[in-house]
N, C-alpha and C. Protein backbone atom coordinates (compact mmCIF):
# COMPACT_ATOMS: atom_id res chain seq x y z
N MET A 1 0.89 -1.09 0.15
CA MET A 1 -0.13 0.03 0.21
C MET A 1 0.80 1.04 0.08
N GLU A 2 0.74 2.03 -0.74
CA GLU A 2 1.12 3.55 -0.82
C GLU A 2 0.95 4.39 0.12
N LYS A 3 1.83 5.09 0.69
CA LYS A 3 1.73 6.13 1.90
C LYS A 3 1.32 7.20 0.85
N THR A 4 0.34 7.99 1.61
CA THR A 4 -0.13 9.35 1.17
C THR A 4 0.63 10.44 2.15
N LYS A 5 1.15 11.32 1.57
CA LYS A 5 1.42 12.40 2.61
C LYS A 5 0.54 13.55 2.46
N VAL A 6 0.44 14.35 3.63
CA VAL A 6 -0.05 15.42 3.68
C VAL A 6 0.48 16.47 3.69
N LEU A 7 0.09 17.95 3.04
CA LEU A 7 0.97 18.93 2.63
C LEU A 7 0.18 19.84 3.69
N GLN A 8 0.47 20.27 4.53
CA GLN A 8 -0.12 21.66 5.48
C GLN A 8 0.55 22.89 5.34
N ILE A 9 0.06 23.74 4.78
CA ILE A 9 0.65 25.02 4.60
C ILE A 9 0.72 25.97 5.57
N GLU A 10 -0.33 26.34 6.57
CA GLU A 10 -1.11 26.74 8.12
C GLU A 10 0.28 27.11 8.60
N ASN A 11 0.56 28.56 8.87
CA ASN A 11 1.70 28.79 10.32
C ASN A 11 2.93 28.11 9.75
N LEU A 12 3.31 27.77 8.62
CA LEU A 12 4.24 27.10 8.07
C LEU A 12 5.59 28.76 7.98
N ASP A 13 7.12 28.83 8.35
CA ASP A 13 7.78 29.86 8.02
C ASP A 13 8.26 29.74 6.41
N LEU A 14 8.58 30.70 5.86
CA LEU A 14 8.89 30.70 4.32
C LEU A 14 9.68 29.41 4.16
N ASN A 15 10.75 29.34 4.81
CA ASN A 15 11.51 28.28 4.34
C ASN A 15 11.22 26.86 4.57
N THR A 16 10.11 26.57 5.16
CA THR A 16 9.62 25.30 5.16
C THR A 16 8.38 25.30 4.15
N LEU A 17 8.15 26.58 3.74
CA LEU A 17 6.89 26.31 2.80
C LEU A 17 7.71 26.15 1.57
N ILE A 18 8.79 26.71 1.42
CA ILE A 18 9.65 26.80 0.21
C ILE A 18 10.01 25.17 -0.13
N GLY A 19 10.65 24.25 1.15
CA GLY A 19 10.88 23.01 0.61
C GLY A 19 9.76 22.46 0.72
N ASN A 20 8.44 22.76 1.20
CA ASN A 20 7.39 21.97 0.88
C ASN A 20 7.10 21.41 -0.72
N PHE A 21 6.90 22.97 -0.97
CA PHE A 21 6.73 23.05 -2.37
C PHE A 21 7.60 22.44 -3.63
N GLN A 22 8.93 22.41 -2.55
CA GLN A 22 10.38 22.02 -3.95
C GLN A 22 9.95 20.10 -3.64
N PHE A 23 9.46 19.58 -2.62
CA PHE A 23 8.88 18.52 -2.53
C PHE A 23 7.72 18.51 -3.40
N LEU A 24 6.88 18.94 -3.17
CA LEU A 24 5.77 18.69 -4.14
C LEU A 24 6.03 18.63 -5.83
N LYS A 25 7.08 19.85 -6.02
CA LYS A 25 7.32 19.65 -7.67
C LYS A 25 8.15 18.16 -7.89
N ASN A 26 8.96 17.81 -6.87
CA ASN A 26 9.65 16.54 -7.13
C ASN A 26 8.44 15.57 -7.79
N GLU A 27 7.64 15.39 -6.48
CA GLU A 27 6.69 14.36 -6.89
C GLU A 27 5.71 14.20 -8.03
N LEU A 28 5.69 15.84 -8.45
CA LEU A 28 4.91 15.80 -9.83
C LEU A 28 5.53 15.30 -10.77
N TYR A 29 7.29 15.46 -10.70
CA TYR A 29 7.99 15.16 -11.85
C TYR A 29 7.83 13.96 -12.28
N GLU A 30 8.23 13.36 -10.75
CA GLU A 30 7.95 11.52 -11.06
C GLU A 30 6.69 11.11 -11.52
N ILE A 31 5.61 11.67 -11.23
CA ILE A 31 4.30 11.10 -11.62
C ILE A 31 4.49 11.35 -13.12
N LYS A 32 4.96 12.67 -13.80
CA LYS A 32 4.92 12.71 -14.92
C LYS A 32 5.69 12.07 -15.62
N GLN A 33 6.75 11.29 -15.27
CA GLN A 33 7.80 10.64 -15.84
C GLN A 33 7.17 9.18 -16.02
N GLY A 34 6.39 8.96 -14.84
CA GLY A 34 5.94 7.59 -14.95
C GLY A 34 4.86 7.36 -16.23
N PHE A 35 3.89 8.74 -16.44
CA PHE A 35 3.04 8.51 -17.69
C PHE A 35 4.31 8.71 -18.95
N ILE A 36 4.75 9.49 -19.18
CA ILE A 36 5.41 9.15 -20.47
C ILE A 36 6.28 8.20 -20.65
N LYS A 37 6.47 7.17 -19.64
CA LYS A 37 6.95 5.75 -19.88
C LYS A 37 5.97 5.02 -20.43
N ASN A 38 4.65 5.33 -19.45
CA ASN A 38 3.58 4.37 -20.31
C ASN A 38 2.86 4.85 -21.30
N GLU A 39 3.38 5.40 -22.02
CA GLU A 39 2.85 5.86 -23.23
C GLU A 39 3.09 5.00 -24.03
N ILE A 40 2.07 4.57 -25.69
CA ILE A 40 1.91 3.68 -26.55
C ILE A 40 3.71 3.71 -27.37
N GLU A 41 4.25 2.89 -27.56
CA GLU A 41 5.53 2.89 -28.09
C GLU A 41 5.25 2.80 -29.68
N LYS A 42 5.94 3.78 -30.23
CA LYS A 42 6.18 4.01 -31.59
C LYS A 42 7.37 3.67 -32.74
N TYR A 43 6.75 2.71 -33.55
CA TYR A 43 7.83 2.24 -34.19
C TYR A 43 7.93 2.69 -36.01
N LEU A 44 9.43 2.72 -36.27
CA LEU A 44 9.53 3.41 -37.41
C LEU A 44 9.90 2.15 -38.06
N THR A 45 9.69 2.30 -39.42
CA THR A 45 10.09 1.66 -40.26
C THR A 45 11.83 1.80 -40.79
N ARG A 46 12.38 1.31 -41.60
CA ARG A 46 13.80 1.24 -42.05
C ARG A 46 13.66 2.50 -42.39
N GLU A 47 12.67 3.24 -43.48
CA GLU A 47 13.00 4.24 -44.36
C GLU A 47 12.91 5.32 -43.66
N GLN A 48 11.85 5.49 -42.53
CA GLN A 48 11.92 6.62 -41.55
C GLN A 48 13.06 6.41 -40.68
N THR A 49 13.51 5.53 -40.06
CA THR A 49 14.94 5.48 -39.05
C THR A 49 16.11 5.89 -39.87
N ALA A 50 16.07 6.02 -41.35
CA ALA A 50 17.21 6.66 -41.97
C ALA A 50 16.82 7.69 -42.36
N GLU A 51 15.49 8.29 -42.37
CA GLU A 51 15.34 9.80 -42.50
C GLU A 51 15.30 10.41 -41.50
N TYR A 52 15.41 9.80 -40.13
CA TYR A 52 15.66 10.53 -38.64
C TYR A 52 16.94 10.56 -38.45
N PHE A 53 17.62 9.97 -39.02
CA PHE A 53 19.34 10.00 -38.69
C PHE A 53 19.92 10.60 -39.97
N ASN A 54 19.43 10.94 -41.27
CA ASN A 54 20.01 11.30 -42.21
C ASN A 54 20.82 10.83 -43.03
N VAL A 55 20.51 9.20 -43.09
CA VAL A 55 21.22 8.37 -43.51
C VAL A 55 21.23 7.44 -44.36
N SER A 56 21.46 6.46 -45.19
CA SER A 56 20.57 5.71 -45.78
C SER A 56 20.44 4.17 -44.93
N VAL A 57 19.40 3.55 -46.10
CA VAL A 57 18.69 2.37 -45.54
C VAL A 57 19.71 1.38 -45.33
N VAL A 58 20.86 1.69 -46.35
CA VAL A 58 22.35 0.62 -46.08
C VAL A 58 23.08 0.86 -44.77
N THR A 59 22.94 2.38 -44.69
CA THR A 59 23.71 2.55 -43.02
C THR A 59 22.83 1.95 -41.59
N ILE A 60 21.53 1.79 -42.34
CA ILE A 60 20.69 1.24 -40.82
C ILE A 60 20.69 -0.12 -41.12
N TRP A 61 20.97 -0.89 -42.17
CA TRP A 61 21.06 -2.10 -42.31
C TRP A 61 22.72 -2.31 -41.79
N ASN A 62 23.36 -1.83 -41.81
CA ASN A 62 24.58 -2.18 -41.19
C ASN A 62 24.51 -2.04 -39.64
N TRP A 63 23.89 -0.85 -38.90
CA TRP A 63 23.80 -0.71 -37.66
C TRP A 63 23.27 -2.00 -36.70
N SER A 64 22.31 -2.49 -37.77
CA SER A 64 21.15 -3.39 -37.32
C SER A 64 22.35 -4.36 -37.21
N LYS A 65 23.46 -4.66 -38.33
CA LYS A 65 24.18 -6.10 -38.32
C LYS A 65 25.29 -5.87 -37.02
N LYS A 66 25.70 -4.77 -36.93
CA LYS A 66 26.40 -4.61 -35.93
C LYS A 66 25.79 -4.06 -34.45
N GLY A 67 24.56 -4.49 -34.09
CA GLY A 67 23.92 -4.74 -32.94
C GLY A 67 23.77 -3.17 -32.44
N LEU A 68 23.83 -1.96 -33.13
CA LEU A 68 23.64 -0.73 -32.91
C LEU A 68 22.04 -0.57 -32.42
N LEU A 69 21.46 -0.95 -33.76
CA LEU A 69 20.20 -1.04 -33.33
C LEU A 69 19.02 -2.55 -33.47
N THR A 70 18.26 -2.41 -32.88
CA THR A 70 17.77 -3.67 -32.65
C THR A 70 16.54 -3.81 -33.81
N PRO A 71 16.12 -4.42 -34.64
CA PRO A 71 15.33 -4.46 -35.80
C PRO A 71 14.29 -5.30 -35.38
N TYR A 72 12.70 -5.08 -35.71
CA TYR A 72 11.89 -5.67 -35.44
C TYR A 72 11.12 -6.29 -36.34
N LYS A 73 10.32 -7.44 -36.33
CA LYS A 73 9.89 -7.72 -37.92
C LYS A 73 8.22 -8.47 -37.47
N ILE A 74 7.58 -7.91 -38.65
CA ILE A 74 6.35 -8.65 -38.84
C ILE A 74 6.07 -8.58 -40.19
N ALA A 75 5.84 -10.00 -40.86
CA ALA A 75 5.85 -10.20 -42.06
C ALA A 75 6.73 -10.00 -42.88
N ASN A 76 6.73 -9.21 -43.78
CA ASN A 76 8.27 -9.03 -44.58
C ASN A 76 8.59 -7.56 -44.15
N LYS A 77 7.87 -6.70 -43.08
CA LYS A 77 8.38 -5.42 -42.76
C LYS A 77 9.26 -5.24 -41.52
N VAL A 78 9.99 -4.34 -41.36
CA VAL A 78 11.20 -4.30 -40.59
C VAL A 78 10.73 -3.12 -39.84
N TYR A 79 10.69 -2.99 -38.34
CA TYR A 79 10.68 -1.90 -37.63
C TYR A 79 11.68 -1.97 -36.64
N PHE A 80 11.75 -0.62 -36.42
CA PHE A 80 12.83 -0.10 -34.95
C PHE A 80 11.95 0.80 -33.90
N LYS A 81 11.98 0.67 -32.56
CA LYS A 81 11.24 1.32 -32.09
C LYS A 81 12.01 2.61 -31.68
N GLN A 82 11.18 3.76 -31.74
CA GLN A 82 11.74 5.21 -31.84
C GLN A 82 12.54 5.57 -30.11
N SER A 83 11.94 4.45 -29.04
CA SER A 83 13.01 5.08 -27.98
C SER A 83 14.33 4.39 -27.98
N GLU A 84 14.28 3.46 -28.63
CA GLU A 84 15.44 2.67 -28.61
C GLU A 84 16.95 3.21 -29.69
N ILE A 85 16.38 3.47 -30.80
CA ILE A 85 16.92 4.44 -31.74
C ILE A 85 17.28 5.83 -31.03
N GLU A 86 16.60 6.61 -30.13
CA GLU A 86 17.18 7.38 -29.43
C GLU A 86 17.91 7.32 -28.31
N ASN A 87 18.00 5.84 -27.87
CA ASN A 87 19.08 5.73 -26.88
C ASN A 87 20.22 5.19 -27.43
N ALA A 88 20.13 4.65 -28.75
CA ALA A 88 21.49 4.55 -29.60
C ALA A 88 22.07 5.69 -29.77
N LEU A 89 21.73 6.95 -29.36
CA LEU A 89 22.56 7.81 -30.08
C LEU A 89 23.61 8.38 -28.32
N THR A 90 25.07 8.35 -28.65
CA THR A 90 25.61 8.43 -27.54
C THR A 90 26.54 9.93 -27.74
N GLU A 91 26.60 10.30 -26.04
CA GLU A 91 27.33 11.44 -26.05
C GLU A 91 29.19 11.76 -26.57
N ILE A 92 29.24 12.33 -27.01
CA ILE A 92 30.44 12.70 -27.48
C ILE A 92 31.35 13.38 -26.68
N LYS A 93 32.23 12.53 -25.98
CA LYS A 93 33.04 13.58 -24.69
C LYS A 93 34.09 14.13 -25.09
N ALA A 94 34.21 15.33 -25.00
CA ALA A 94 35.15 16.40 -25.94
C ALA A 94 36.67 16.31 -25.01
C-alpha cells in the first residue's frame, strides 16, 4: 500500500513552505515521468529510421548487423522502436 503524505501550509515559515513546494514539484515530476514511460511505443520503418538519422537504408542495415539498432519484424516489414533509436545515440566526450 502506498503511503499518502499530507501537505499543511498553515503557520509555516517561508523556508519550510519553499521546501514543501520543492517536494511537491519533485513528486509531480516523478508522476509525469511515469506517464511518459507508459505512452504507446512508436515504431519506425527502415526508411523512417534512415530519414530520422539522415543516413541511407544501407547504413541502418549495417547498424543493425553491428547491434547498434535492434530490428523488429512482422511479416516482411522491419521496424525499429523510436525510444531505442533515440537511446542508441551516445554523447561525444570532448
